[in-house]
Amino acid sequence: MIHWAGIGVFVIGMVLATPQAWAEKADRDKPTMIDSDRLNHDEQKQITIFTGNVVLTKGTLVMRGDRMEMWQDAAGNYFGIVTGKPAKFRQKRDAVNEYMDGESLRIDYDGQQEIVILTNNAIMRRLEGDVLMDQVSGDRLNYNNITERYLVESGDGQGRSRMFLMPKSGTK
């Protein structure tokens, strides 16, 4: 039985304090490059396992971790799981000088729906250049790259979900 009072669940729209800007649209048409110390590919199953200093780059999207499993469905959509201590991702937002920056022990990526799921000590930051604008954290964080909305959940015994907002410069 789920005790909702014990689980901090927040649906947070990124448009609360920012102008609407989607993730860098040009990234969708960019090639994907993955560097690692080692890779093991199974052509029949269409799955590749990368290990050691894994870095995925697709336009402004950069994901880093110790290990990544990546596979492709029949329609050509990519899916992946990145693990690390921590696993990280960063992507520029479209039309503004802002980046979304996240980290957790595990990152699941759904290329079809453009959803990133961070689990275990998940943190997501919105940065203007290198300046922290806001930050959310929890045990699990679902981030929709298209709508730039996310859901943050804290697990049982994992503390609470938390949001940190910086005041806009020039406000009194």
Protein backbone atom coordinates (compact mmCIF):
# COMPACT_ATOMS: atom_id res chain seq x y z
CA MET A 1 0.00 0.00 0.00
CA ILE A 2 1.36 3.39 -0.96
CA HIS A 3 1.29 6.10 1.69
CA TRP A 4 1.06 9.24 -0.43
CA ALA A 5 1.71 11.45 2.57
CA GLY A 6 5.08 9.74 2.97
CA ILE A 7 6.04 10.18 -0.68
CA GLY A 8 6.79 13.69 -1.85
CA VAL A 9 5.41 13.88 -5.36
CA PHE A 10 5.69 17.13 -7.27
CA VAL A 11 4.78 17.82 -10.85
CA ILE A 12 6.89 20.79 -11.84
CA GLY A 13 6.68 22.67 -15.12
CA MET A 14 9.89 24.31 -16.21
CA VAL A 15 7.84 27.19 -17.56
CA LEU A 16 7.12 28.43 -14.03
CA ALA A 17 9.94 30.93 -13.86
CA THR A 18 11.39 30.86 -17.35
CA PRO A 19 10.41 31.84 -20.86
CA GLN A 20 9.23 28.90 -22.93
CA ALA A 21 12.16 27.27 -24.67
CA TRP A 22 12.41 23.68 -25.70
CA ALA A 23 15.52 21.53 -25.71
CA GLU A 24 17.81 22.29 -28.63
CA LYS A 25 15.68 21.22 -31.63
CA ALA A 26 18.72 20.92 -33.88
CA ASP A 27 20.02 18.07 -31.68
CA ARG A 28 17.38 15.71 -33.11
CA ASP A 29 19.07 15.76 -36.53
CA LYS A 30 22.65 15.42 -35.26
CA PRO A 31 24.62 12.18 -35.39
CA THR A 32 25.32 10.33 -32.15
CA MET A 33 28.94 9.67 -31.15
CA ILE A 34 29.84 7.37 -28.27
CA ASP A 35 33.35 7.05 -26.87
CA SER A 36 34.31 4.39 -24.32
CA ASP A 37 37.22 2.22 -23.23
CA ARG A 38 35.43 -0.88 -24.54
CA LEU A 39 32.31 -1.83 -26.47
CA ASN A 40 30.56 -5.13 -27.06
CA HIS A 41 27.99 -5.16 -29.89
CA ASP A 42 25.43 -7.88 -30.71
CA GLU A 43 24.17 -7.23 -34.26
CA GLN A 44 21.41 -9.83 -34.03
CA LYS A 45 19.90 -8.32 -30.87
CA GLN A 46 20.77 -4.73 -31.86
CA ILE A 47 22.28 -4.02 -28.44
CA THR A 48 25.63 -2.50 -27.59
CA ILE A 49 27.28 -2.36 -24.16
CA PHE A 50 29.88 0.37 -23.60
CA THR A 51 32.13 0.28 -20.53
CA GLY A 52 34.75 2.58 -19.04
CA ASN A 53 34.63 6.38 -19.35
CA VAL A 54 31.53 6.36 -21.56
CA VAL A 55 30.69 9.69 -23.25
CA LEU A 56 27.69 10.03 -25.59
CA THR A 57 27.44 13.23 -27.64
CA LYS A 58 24.49 14.20 -29.87
CA GLY A 59 24.59 17.90 -30.71
CA THR A 60 24.47 19.72 -27.37
CA LEU A 61 23.37 16.57 -25.49
CA VAL A 62 26.22 14.97 -23.54
CA MET A 63 25.77 11.88 -21.33
CA ARG A 64 28.59 10.40 -19.21
CA GLY A 65 28.88 7.26 -17.15
CA ASP A 66 30.84 4.16 -16.28
CA ARG A 67 28.61 1.84 -18.34
CA MET A 68 25.93 2.22 -21.00
CA GLU A 69 23.60 -0.26 -22.68
CA MET A 70 22.09 1.00 -25.91
CA TRP A 71 19.58 -0.63 -28.25
CA GLN A 72 17.43 0.30 -31.21
CA ASP A 73 13.84 -0.67 -32.00
CA ALA A 74 12.53 -1.61 -35.46
CA ALA A 75 11.49 2.01 -36.11
CA GLY A 76 15.05 3.23 -35.51
CA ASN A 77 14.48 4.80 -32.08
CA TYR A 78 17.34 4.52 -29.59
CA PHE A 79 17.01 3.56 -25.94
CA GLY A 80 19.69 3.38 -23.30
CA ILE A 81 20.68 2.93 -19.68
CA VAL A 82 23.69 4.80 -18.32
CA THR A 83 25.11 3.98 -14.89
CA GLY A 84 27.87 5.68 -12.96
CA LYS A 85 28.91 7.27 -9.69
CA PRO A 86 27.23 9.46 -10.78
CA ALA A 87 25.95 9.15 -14.35
CA LYS A 88 25.46 12.63 -15.86
CA PHE A 89 23.72 14.41 -18.69
CA ARG A 90 23.69 17.97 -19.98
CA GLN A 91 21.78 19.63 -22.84
CA LYS A 92 21.35 23.17 -24.09
CA ARG A 93 17.85 24.60 -24.21
CA ASP A 94 16.63 26.07 -27.49
CA ALA A 95 16.71 29.85 -28.05
CA VAL A 96 18.17 30.75 -24.64
CA ASN A 97 21.61 30.54 -23.02
CA GLU A 98 20.46 27.85 -20.60
CA TYR A 99 21.40 24.25 -19.95
CA MET A 100 19.65 21.37 -18.23
CA ASP A 101 22.15 19.43 -16.15
CA GLY A 102 21.33 16.19 -14.34
CA GLU A 103 22.99 13.41 -12.41
CA SER A 104 22.06 10.20 -10.61
CA LEU A 105 23.36 6.67 -10.23
CA ARG A 106 21.24 5.51 -13.19
CA ILE A 107 19.86 7.34 -16.24
CA ASP A 108 17.33 5.70 -18.59
CA TYR A 109 16.85 7.33 -22.00
CA ASP A 110 13.83 6.80 -24.27
CA GLY A 111 14.68 8.26 -27.68
CA GLN A 112 11.19 7.69 -29.06
CA GLN A 113 9.44 9.83 -26.44
CA GLU A 114 12.57 11.87 -25.59
CA ILE A 115 12.24 11.10 -21.89
CA VAL A 116 15.12 10.87 -19.44
CA ILE A 117 14.58 9.07 -16.11
CA LEU A 118 17.12 9.64 -13.35
CA THR A 119 17.00 7.25 -10.39
CA ASN A 120 18.92 6.98 -7.12
CA ASN A 121 20.06 10.38 -5.81
CA ALA A 122 18.62 12.28 -8.78
CA ILE A 123 19.44 15.97 -9.19
CA MET A 124 18.38 18.27 -12.06
CA ARG A 125 19.65 21.83 -12.46
CA ARG A 126 18.75 24.64 -14.82
CA LEU A 127 21.80 26.78 -15.50
CA GLU A 128 22.05 30.15 -17.23
CA GLY A 129 25.60 29.94 -18.49
CA ASP A 130 27.29 28.63 -15.34
CA VAL A 131 24.83 30.30 -12.91
CA LEU A 132 22.39 28.02 -11.06
CA MET A 133 18.81 29.19 -11.70
CA ASP A 134 16.92 26.34 -10.04
CA GLN A 135 17.43 22.78 -8.88
CA VAL A 136 15.24 19.80 -7.98
CA SER A 137 16.23 16.57 -6.30
CA GLY A 138 14.67 13.31 -5.22
CA ASP A 139 15.05 9.58 -5.55
CA ARG A 140 13.48 9.46 -9.04
CA LEU A 141 13.13 12.22 -11.61
CA ASN A 142 11.31 11.88 -14.95
CA TYR A 143 12.25 14.62 -17.44
CA ASN A 144 10.40 15.11 -20.75
CA ASN A 145 12.86 16.68 -23.17
CA ILE A 146 10.10 17.89 -25.53
CA THR A 147 7.78 19.59 -23.05
CA GLU A 148 10.52 20.31 -20.47
CA ARG A 149 8.32 19.12 -17.65
CA TYR A 150 9.44 16.79 -14.94
CA LEU A 151 8.09 14.74 -12.09
CA VAL A 152 10.17 14.29 -8.95
CA GLU A 153 9.47 11.51 -6.45
CA SER A 154 11.09 10.56 -3.18
CA GLY A 155 11.17 6.87 -2.35
CA ASP A 156 10.24 5.26 0.93
CA GLY A 157 12.87 6.23 3.49
CA GLN A 158 14.70 8.38 0.93
CA GLY A 159 13.85 11.78 2.37
CA ARG A 160 11.74 14.31 0.56
CA SER A 161 11.69 15.80 -2.92
CA ARG A 162 13.16 19.27 -2.92
CA MET A 163 13.08 22.33 -5.21
CA PHE A 164 15.48 25.26 -4.99
CA LEU A 165 14.63 28.49 -6.89
CA MET A 166 16.93 31.46 -7.29
CA PRO A 167 15.30 34.91 -7.33
CA LYS A 168 15.42 36.69 -10.66
CA SER A 169 18.21 39.24 -10.78
CA GLY A 170 17.00 42.77 -10.18
CA THR A 171 14.05 41.71 -8.00
CA LYS A 172 13.56 43.32 -4.61
